Structures are given as structure tokens and as C-alpha cells.
Amino acid sequence: MRRFRTAGLSLLECLVAGTVVILVMLSLLGSVSFALEGVRQLDGQDKATWYAQRLLEGIRERRLASGMGFNDPTGTRVPIDAAPFNTFISPDADYTRRIVTTQLAPSTADYRHDLYRIEVTVYWKTKRRENSFKLVGLSHEP
């Protein structure tokens, strides 16, 4: 009687195992790529949120909403570090802004006369589209 060796793998088994490994690695690569794109998107959102908060704080600290109000030119977007915020926001060519302030009640008889609505919108572009983040706050400026 002859004995057959059962140790080791045949060529066909090696090819099937290699194909399975390659398919699993390709699916993992797609998942990693998708996750990295999500991280990039969140990084942009995080930075835009930070810029919007800093701009809103700057308007409140400097009391820019009262009087004529601080508004960026209508229908335009200005660089994120445009005056009067160039002293505490560093230049970033990827981000632009739009700021609109409005007085809640123009009549001095209204209790809301000293309240101003501040709307800060920050824009940035990713590979596929333009994104925006809007932050709205109030400021009391007697």
C-alpha cells in the first residue's frame, strides 16, 4: 500500500487563500479611506467652529455690534482674518467669513433695545463641496 502525504497545501488551496486575503485587505482599505475622509471633514468643521466662536467673542469684547453695527459687505465673503480681527486670528486662505449684526428692537422703549443678534458664518472648501458653519449669538451693549 502506498501512503499519501497529507502535510502541506496544494497549489489550488494557496491560490484560494491568497484571493481571500486580498479581498479582505481591499475591503479594509476602502473602510480606512472612508474613515480618513470623515476625519478630514470633522477637522474642517472643528476649525470652522473655533473661528466662528473667536469672531463672536471678538465682536462682544470690542462691542462692535452697537451703533451702526458690524457687517461684512452684503453678498460677499471676506478672508477669515480681515479687519478688525487680524490681531487675534491668523491668516488662513482656506476659510472665509460673513458677519451680520442686527439690533433686536430699534425703539428705546423696548426692553430689547440693547440686545444685538450676531450671525457669524464660516465657509471652507473640501475636495467635493463647499461647507459652512453658522453660529448665532446675542450681545448686550448698553
Protein backbone atom coordinates (compact mmCIF):
# COMPACT_ATOMS: atom_id res chain seq x y z
CA MET A 1 0.00 0.00 0.00
CA ARG A 2 1.03 3.47 -0.76
CA ARG A 3 0.94 6.26 1.71
CA PHE A 4 -0.06 9.75 0.58
CA ARG A 5 1.45 12.73 2.20
CA THR A 6 -1.16 14.94 3.79
CA ALA A 7 1.18 17.59 5.15
CA GLY A 8 1.32 20.91 3.25
CA LEU A 9 -1.04 22.76 0.93
CA SER A 10 -1.81 22.22 -2.70
CA LEU A 11 -1.35 24.98 -5.25
CA LEU A 12 -5.12 25.43 -5.56
CA GLU A 13 -5.52 25.89 -1.81
CA CYS A 14 -2.77 28.52 -1.79
CA LEU A 15 -4.44 30.45 -4.62
CA VAL A 16 -7.83 30.40 -2.90
CA ALA A 17 -6.32 31.52 0.42
CA GLY A 18 -4.38 34.33 -1.31
CA THR A 19 -7.52 35.54 -3.09
CA VAL A 20 -9.47 35.63 0.16
CA VAL A 21 -6.68 37.58 1.88
CA ILE A 22 -6.54 40.09 -0.98
CA LEU A 23 -10.31 40.61 -0.93
CA VAL A 24 -10.31 41.18 2.83
CA MET A 25 -7.43 43.68 2.54
CA LEU A 26 -9.20 45.60 -0.25
CA SER A 27 -12.37 45.91 1.81
CA LEU A 28 -10.33 47.14 4.80
CA LEU A 29 -8.56 49.66 2.58
CA GLY A 30 -11.91 51.06 1.46
CA SER A 31 -13.03 51.38 5.08
CA VAL A 32 -9.83 53.16 6.08
CA SER A 33 -10.14 55.55 3.14
CA PHE A 34 -13.75 56.34 4.11
CA ALA A 35 -12.72 56.91 7.74
CA LEU A 36 -9.89 59.26 6.74
CA GLU A 37 -12.28 61.35 4.65
CA GLY A 38 -14.57 61.61 7.67
CA VAL A 39 -11.68 62.74 9.83
CA ARG A 40 -10.76 65.43 7.29
CA GLN A 41 -14.36 66.64 7.25
CA LEU A 42 -14.51 66.78 11.05
CA ASP A 43 -11.19 68.62 11.18
CA GLY A 44 -12.58 71.31 8.87
CA GLN A 45 -15.77 71.54 10.92
CA ASP A 46 -13.78 71.80 14.14
CA LYS A 47 -11.62 74.60 12.76
CA ALA A 48 -14.65 76.48 11.41
CA THR A 49 -16.37 76.22 14.80
CA TRP A 50 -13.29 77.61 16.51
CA TYR A 51 -13.09 80.52 14.06
CA ALA A 52 -16.80 81.32 14.49
CA GLN A 53 -16.50 81.29 18.29
CA ARG A 54 -13.44 83.55 18.22
CA LEU A 55 -15.16 86.01 15.86
CA LEU A 56 -18.30 86.13 18.01
CA GLU A 57 -16.20 86.67 21.14
CA GLY A 58 -14.23 89.42 19.37
CA ILE A 59 -17.42 91.28 18.44
CA ARG A 60 -18.70 91.03 22.01
CA GLU A 61 -15.39 92.05 23.62
CA ARG A 62 -14.96 95.07 21.36
CA ARG A 63 -18.67 95.96 21.43
CA LEU A 64 -18.78 96.12 17.63
CA ALA A 65 -22.50 95.29 17.31
CA SER A 66 -23.82 98.60 18.69
CA GLY A 67 -24.08 101.86 16.81
CA MET A 68 -24.07 101.19 13.09
CA GLY A 69 -23.37 97.52 13.76
CA PHE A 70 -20.59 95.46 12.31
CA ASN A 71 -21.49 93.84 9.00
CA ASP A 72 -19.36 92.37 6.27
CA PRO A 73 -20.28 93.73 2.83
CA THR A 74 -23.58 92.29 1.59
CA GLY A 75 -23.30 89.24 -0.64
CA THR A 76 -19.55 88.86 -0.21
CA ARG A 77 -17.25 86.72 1.82
CA VAL A 78 -14.14 88.16 3.30
CA PRO A 79 -10.97 86.43 4.49
CA ILE A 80 -11.29 84.95 7.98
CA ASP A 81 -8.64 87.33 9.33
CA ALA A 82 -9.93 90.54 7.71
CA ALA A 83 -10.03 93.70 9.85
CA PRO A 84 -10.78 94.26 12.67
CA PHE A 85 -9.98 90.65 13.61
CA ASN A 86 -6.50 90.42 12.10
CA THR A 87 -4.89 90.97 15.51
CA PHE A 88 -6.08 87.70 17.05
CA ILE A 89 -6.94 85.42 14.12
CA SER A 90 -4.09 84.23 11.94
CA PRO A 91 -4.47 84.16 8.14
CA ASP A 92 -5.95 81.01 6.63
CA ALA A 93 -6.63 81.02 2.89
CA ASP A 94 -8.99 78.03 3.14
CA TYR A 95 -11.59 79.85 5.26
CA THR A 96 -13.78 82.89 4.61
CA ARG A 97 -16.47 84.54 6.70
CA ARG A 98 -19.69 86.53 6.63
CA ILE A 99 -20.80 88.51 9.71
CA VAL A 100 -24.19 90.21 10.12
CA THR A 101 -25.30 92.10 13.23
CA THR A 102 -28.81 93.41 13.80
CA GLN A 103 -30.42 95.27 16.64
CA LEU A 104 -33.38 93.33 18.03
CA ALA A 105 -35.52 96.40 18.76
CA PRO A 106 -34.70 99.90 17.48
CA SER A 107 -37.15 101.62 19.84
CA THR A 108 -35.63 102.80 23.13
CA ALA A 109 -38.95 101.99 24.84
CA ASP A 110 -38.47 98.28 24.11
CA TYR A 111 -36.56 96.27 26.71
CA ARG A 112 -34.64 94.54 23.91
CA HIS A 113 -33.19 97.85 22.68
CA ASP A 114 -29.67 97.00 23.93
CA LEU A 115 -29.66 93.45 22.50
CA TYR A 116 -27.95 92.67 19.22
CA ARG A 117 -28.12 89.48 17.18
CA ILE A 118 -24.75 88.42 15.80
CA GLU A 119 -24.64 85.88 12.99
CA VAL A 120 -21.24 84.50 12.04
CA THR A 121 -20.97 82.15 9.07
CA VAL A 122 -17.65 80.49 8.23
CA TYR A 123 -17.08 78.88 4.81
CA TRP A 124 -14.46 76.39 3.68
CA LYS A 125 -13.98 74.02 0.77
CA THR A 126 -13.17 70.34 0.74
CA LYS A 127 -12.39 68.24 -2.32
CA ARG A 128 -16.01 67.64 -3.22
CA ARG A 129 -18.01 70.63 -1.98
CA GLU A 130 -18.23 73.89 -0.11
CA ASN A 131 -19.13 73.69 3.57
CA SER A 132 -20.42 76.27 6.00
CA PHE A 133 -20.91 76.63 9.73
CA LYS A 134 -23.24 79.25 11.19
CA LEU A 135 -23.09 80.47 14.79
CA VAL A 136 -25.70 82.89 16.14
CA GLY A 137 -25.35 84.72 19.44
CA LEU A 138 -26.64 87.74 21.31
CA SER A 139 -24.74 90.66 22.74
CA HIS A 140 -25.93 93.17 25.33
CA GLU A 141 -24.39 96.54 24.60
CA PRO A 142 -25.90 99.46 26.55
